[in-house]
Amino acid sequence: MCMLLNITKECEVLDSVEVASTFVKRLKGLLGRDSLAIGNGLLIKPCNSVHCFFMKFPIDVAFVDKNNRVVRIIGNMKPGSISPIISSAHFVIEANAGELTSCLEAGDEIKIYN
């Protein structure tokens, strides 16, 4: 597990981030979970688009480029929805609805700590 920090605003965003970097983990994502604990998230790498098919709860999604800059945030993605492809994104971070939009915005630099 890792911690997600917003370097630009000098604040902690999530205190526990799981990394999904294998094909199987990326494919599964948050499917099958009833919820995420507050302060938890999932980093999917590589990734530039997500879907919420068969999800049970809404999520925030931050799209991040290779320089660890947030390029776009989609807040409150509902189950069954799909994001656009964000060509500049290298990875995404998913968290409970409201957790990313409250402390991240496009242009912010982030850091992932182990």
C-alpha atoms as a PDB file:
ATOM      1  CA  MET A   1       0.000   0.000   0.000  1.00  0.00           C
ATOM      2  CA  CYS A   2       1.068   3.563  -0.711  1.00  0.00           C
ATOM      3  CA  MET A   3       0.136   7.078   0.393  1.00  0.00           C
ATOM      4  CA  LEU A   4      -0.987   9.788  -2.059  1.00  0.00           C
ATOM      5  CA  LEU A   5       0.162  13.358  -1.418  1.00  0.00           C
ATOM      6  CA  ASN A   6      -0.689  16.572  -3.234  1.00  0.00           C
ATOM      7  CA  ILE A   7       2.696  18.291  -3.547  1.00  0.00           C
ATOM      8  CA  THR A   8       1.203  21.508  -4.945  1.00  0.00           C
ATOM      9  CA  LYS A   9      -1.161  22.025  -1.997  1.00  0.00           C
ATOM     10  CA  GLU A  10       1.099  20.252   0.528  1.00  0.00           C
ATOM     11  CA  CYS A  11      -1.572  17.891   1.830  1.00  0.00           C
ATOM     12  CA  GLU A  12      -2.344  14.195   2.130  1.00  0.00           C
ATOM     13  CA  VAL A  13      -5.022  13.023  -0.305  1.00  0.00           C
ATOM     14  CA  LEU A  14      -5.311   9.303   0.488  1.00  0.00           C
ATOM     15  CA  ASP A  15      -3.556   7.373   3.251  1.00  0.00           C
ATOM     16  CA  SER A  16      -3.817   3.934   1.631  1.00  0.00           C
ATOM     17  CA  VAL A  17      -3.550   3.354  -2.112  1.00  0.00           C
ATOM     18  CA  GLU A  18      -3.484  -0.109  -3.642  1.00  0.00           C
ATOM     19  CA  VAL A  19      -1.565  -0.424  -6.930  1.00  0.00           C
ATOM     20  CA  ALA A  20      -3.026  -2.392  -9.833  1.00  0.00           C
ATOM     21  CA  SER A  21      -0.260  -2.777 -12.391  1.00  0.00           C
ATOM     22  CA  THR A  22      -0.799  -6.299 -13.733  1.00  0.00           C
ATOM     23  CA  PHE A  23      -3.309  -7.104 -16.461  1.00  0.00           C
ATOM     24  CA  VAL A  24      -5.567  -9.078 -14.104  1.00  0.00           C
ATOM     25  CA  LYS A  25      -5.527  -6.439 -11.339  1.00  0.00           C
ATOM     26  CA  ARG A  26      -6.176  -3.646 -13.842  1.00  0.00           C
ATOM     27  CA  LEU A  27      -9.015  -5.621 -15.418  1.00  0.00           C
ATOM     28  CA  LYS A  28     -10.679  -6.263 -12.059  1.00  0.00           C
ATOM     29  CA  GLY A  29     -10.164  -2.787 -10.595  1.00  0.00           C
ATOM     30  CA  LEU A  30     -12.828  -2.128  -7.972  1.00  0.00           C
ATOM     31  CA  LEU A  31     -15.293  -4.662  -9.362  1.00  0.00           C
ATOM     32  CA  GLY A  32     -16.847  -6.902  -6.742  1.00  0.00           C
ATOM     33  CA  ARG A  33     -16.288  -4.468  -3.880  1.00  0.00           C
ATOM     34  CA  ASP A  34     -19.227  -3.057  -1.979  1.00  0.00           C
ATOM     35  CA  SER A  35     -17.280   0.043  -1.003  1.00  0.00           C
ATOM     36  CA  LEU A  36     -13.870   1.542  -0.276  1.00  0.00           C
ATOM     37  CA  ALA A  37     -12.834   2.569   3.217  1.00  0.00           C
ATOM     38  CA  ILE A  38     -12.514   6.336   3.669  1.00  0.00           C
ATOM     39  CA  GLY A  39      -9.015   7.434   2.681  1.00  0.00           C
ATOM     40  CA  ASN A  40      -8.416   4.380   0.479  1.00  0.00           C
ATOM     41  CA  GLY A  41      -7.950   4.298  -3.272  1.00  0.00           C
ATOM     42  CA  LEU A  42      -6.747   2.321  -6.264  1.00  0.00           C
ATOM     43  CA  LEU A  43      -3.975   3.361  -8.653  1.00  0.00           C
ATOM     44  CA  ILE A  44      -4.303   1.723 -12.078  1.00  0.00           C
ATOM     45  CA  LYS A  45      -1.163   1.839 -14.227  1.00  0.00           C
ATOM     46  CA  PRO A  46      -1.013   2.151 -17.180  1.00  0.00           C
ATOM     47  CA  CYS A  47      -4.487   3.546 -17.792  1.00  0.00           C
ATOM     48  CA  ASN A  48      -6.089   6.452 -19.666  1.00  0.00           C
ATOM     49  CA  SER A  49      -9.801   5.550 -19.477  1.00  0.00           C
ATOM     50  CA  VAL A  50     -12.047   3.786 -16.958  1.00  0.00           C
ATOM     51  CA  HIS A  51     -15.520   2.333 -16.792  1.00  0.00           C
ATOM     52  CA  CYS A  52     -17.850   1.754 -13.871  1.00  0.00           C
ATOM     53  CA  PHE A  53     -19.791  -1.170 -15.312  1.00  0.00           C
ATOM     54  CA  PHE A  54     -20.996  -3.504 -12.536  1.00  0.00           C
ATOM     55  CA  MET A  55     -19.734  -1.115  -9.840  1.00  0.00           C
ATOM     56  CA  LYS A  56     -21.766  -0.713  -6.656  1.00  0.00           C
ATOM     57  CA  PHE A  57     -20.778   2.828  -5.649  1.00  0.00           C
ATOM     58  CA  PRO A  58     -19.777   6.145  -7.276  1.00  0.00           C
ATOM     59  CA  ILE A  59     -16.110   7.133  -7.500  1.00  0.00           C
ATOM     60  CA  ASP A  60     -13.827  10.072  -8.244  1.00  0.00           C
ATOM     61  CA  VAL A  61     -11.149   9.466 -10.864  1.00  0.00           C
ATOM     62  CA  ALA A  62      -7.935  11.476 -11.256  1.00  0.00           C
ATOM     63  CA  PHE A  63      -6.053  11.108 -14.541  1.00  0.00           C
ATOM     64  CA  VAL A  64      -2.316  11.671 -14.081  1.00  0.00           C
ATOM     65  CA  ASP A  65       0.447  12.120 -16.675  1.00  0.00           C
ATOM     66  CA  LYS A  66       3.981  10.718 -16.712  1.00  0.00           C
ATOM     67  CA  ASN A  67       5.227  13.778 -14.783  1.00  0.00           C
ATOM     68  CA  ASN A  68       2.801  13.089 -11.897  1.00  0.00           C
ATOM     69  CA  ARG A  69       0.590  16.046 -12.821  1.00  0.00           C
ATOM     70  CA  VAL A  70      -3.175  15.711 -12.608  1.00  0.00           C
ATOM     71  CA  VAL A  71      -4.502  16.347 -16.101  1.00  0.00           C
ATOM     72  CA  ARG A  72      -8.206  15.802 -15.400  1.00  0.00           C
ATOM     73  CA  ILE A  73     -10.552  14.803 -12.605  1.00  0.00           C
ATOM     74  CA  ILE A  74     -13.958  13.274 -13.055  1.00  0.00           C
ATOM     75  CA  GLY A  75     -15.988  13.481  -9.890  1.00  0.00           C
ATOM     76  CA  ASN A  76     -18.845  11.257  -8.803  1.00  0.00           C
ATOM     77  CA  MET A  77     -18.708   8.738 -11.664  1.00  0.00           C
ATOM     78  CA  LYS A  78     -21.846   6.671 -11.275  1.00  0.00           C
ATOM     79  CA  PRO A  79     -22.048   2.882 -11.667  1.00  0.00           C
ATOM     80  CA  GLY A  80     -22.511   2.000 -15.334  1.00  0.00           C
ATOM     81  CA  SER A  81     -20.703   5.089 -16.671  1.00  0.00           C
ATOM     82  CA  ILE A  82     -17.559   5.323 -18.794  1.00  0.00           C
ATOM     83  CA  SER A  83     -14.907   8.034 -18.943  1.00  0.00           C
ATOM     84  CA  PRO A  84     -13.520   9.564 -22.105  1.00  0.00           C
ATOM     85  CA  ILE A  85     -10.024   8.553 -23.161  1.00  0.00           C
ATOM     86  CA  ILE A  86      -7.553  11.043 -21.710  1.00  0.00           C
ATOM     87  CA  SER A  87      -4.624  10.655 -24.106  1.00  0.00           C
ATOM     88  CA  SER A  88      -2.110  12.452 -21.875  1.00  0.00           C
ATOM     89  CA  ALA A  89      -2.894  10.233 -18.860  1.00  0.00           C
ATOM     90  CA  HIS A  90      -0.387   7.589 -17.840  1.00  0.00           C
ATOM     91  CA  PHE A  91      -2.314   6.287 -14.831  1.00  0.00           C
ATOM     92  CA  VAL A  92      -5.492   6.897 -12.861  1.00  0.00           C
ATOM     93  CA  ILE A  93      -6.374   7.029  -9.202  1.00  0.00           C
ATOM     94  CA  GLU A  94      -9.839   5.944  -8.106  1.00  0.00           C
ATOM     95  CA  ALA A  95     -11.367   6.789  -4.729  1.00  0.00           C
ATOM     96  CA  ASN A  96     -14.755   7.299  -3.109  1.00  0.00           C
ATOM     97  CA  ALA A  97     -16.858  10.066  -4.641  1.00  0.00           C
ATOM     98  CA  GLY A  98     -15.836  13.380  -3.102  1.00  0.00           C
ATOM     99  CA  GLU A  99     -12.421  12.335  -1.830  1.00  0.00           C
ATOM    100  CA  LEU A 100     -10.346  13.410  -4.838  1.00  0.00           C
ATOM    101  CA  THR A 101     -12.425  16.372  -5.990  1.00  0.00           C
ATOM    102  CA  SER A 102     -12.134  17.923  -2.528  1.00  0.00           C
ATOM    103  CA  CYS A 103      -8.323  18.168  -2.581  1.00  0.00           C
ATOM    104  CA  LEU A 104      -7.046  17.720  -6.161  1.00  0.00           C
ATOM    105  CA  GLU A 105      -7.455  19.749  -9.317  1.00  0.00           C
ATOM    106  CA  ALA A 106      -5.993  19.738 -12.804  1.00  0.00           C
ATOM    107  CA  GLY A 107      -2.408  20.967 -12.733  1.00  0.00           C
ATOM    108  CA  ASP A 108      -1.617  19.715  -9.225  1.00  0.00           C
ATOM    109  CA  GLU A 109       1.552  17.654  -8.803  1.00  0.00           C
ATOM    110  CA  ILE A 110       1.165  14.464  -6.792  1.00  0.00           C
ATOM    111  CA  LYS A 111       3.550  12.023  -5.146  1.00  0.00           C
ATOM    112  CA  ILE A 112       3.028   8.371  -4.290  1.00  0.00           C
ATOM    113  CA  TYR A 113       4.920   7.200  -1.190  1.00  0.00           C
ATOM    114  CA  ASN A 114       5.456   3.563  -0.243  1.00  0.00           C
END
